[in-house]
Amino acid sequence: MNRRKKIYEKLKKKDKKANEKLNKSNKPKYISKAEREKLTQSAPNSVQSED
């Protein structure tokens, strides 16, 4: 029983990983707080230089 359960868990885990690769999330990539701050500081400068 225990051996069978372990085998099934491994197979389920493998199937789950395969499905994750097929169905990629549309969620935007995480940007850290420091990176967002850098972007906001560089954005106003680029807007002013374009005007």
Protein backbone atom coordinates (compact mmCIF):
# COMPACT_ATOMS: atom_id res chain seq x y z
CA MET A 1 0.00 0.00 0.00
CA ASN A 2 2.66 2.49 1.02
CA ARG A 3 4.88 1.70 -1.96
CA ARG A 4 1.94 2.09 -4.32
CA LYS A 5 1.05 5.46 -2.76
CA LYS A 6 4.61 6.74 -3.24
CA ILE A 7 4.60 5.69 -6.89
CA TYR A 8 1.27 7.40 -7.52
CA GLU A 9 2.49 10.58 -5.81
CA LYS A 10 5.59 10.65 -8.04
CA LEU A 11 3.48 10.16 -11.16
CA LYS A 12 1.01 12.86 -10.12
CA LYS A 13 3.87 15.26 -9.40
CA LYS A 14 5.36 14.58 -12.84
CA ASP A 15 1.98 15.16 -14.55
CA LYS A 16 1.46 18.37 -12.61
CA LYS A 17 4.85 19.75 -13.70
CA ALA A 18 4.11 18.85 -17.33
CA ASN A 19 0.78 20.68 -17.16
CA GLU A 20 2.42 23.75 -15.63
CA LYS A 21 4.84 23.93 -18.54
CA LEU A 22 2.01 23.67 -21.06
CA ASN A 23 -0.18 26.28 -19.38
CA LYS A 24 2.06 29.25 -18.71
CA SER A 25 0.60 32.00 -16.59
CA ASN A 26 -0.29 35.37 -18.10
CA LYS A 27 0.76 37.07 -14.90
CA PRO A 28 3.32 39.85 -15.39
CA LYS A 29 6.85 39.18 -14.18
CA TYR A 30 7.51 40.37 -10.62
CA ILE A 31 9.45 43.63 -10.36
CA SER A 32 11.09 44.32 -7.02
CA LYS A 33 10.41 47.50 -5.11
CA ALA A 34 13.92 48.80 -5.81
CA GLU A 35 13.52 48.17 -9.55
CA ARG A 36 10.15 49.96 -9.60
CA GLU A 37 11.75 52.93 -7.84
CA LYS A 38 14.53 53.04 -10.44
CA LEU A 39 11.99 52.92 -13.24
CA THR A 40 9.93 55.75 -11.77
CA GLN A 41 13.04 57.88 -11.35
CA SER A 42 14.20 57.29 -14.92
CA ALA A 43 10.70 57.71 -16.43
CA PRO A 44 10.20 61.42 -15.56
CA ASN A 45 13.67 62.20 -16.90
CA SER A 46 12.90 60.55 -20.24
CA VAL A 47 9.54 62.38 -20.48
CA GLN A 48 11.18 65.74 -19.87
CA SER A 49 13.89 65.10 -22.43
CA GLU A 50 11.29 64.23 -25.10
CA ASP A 51 9.36 67.52 -24.67
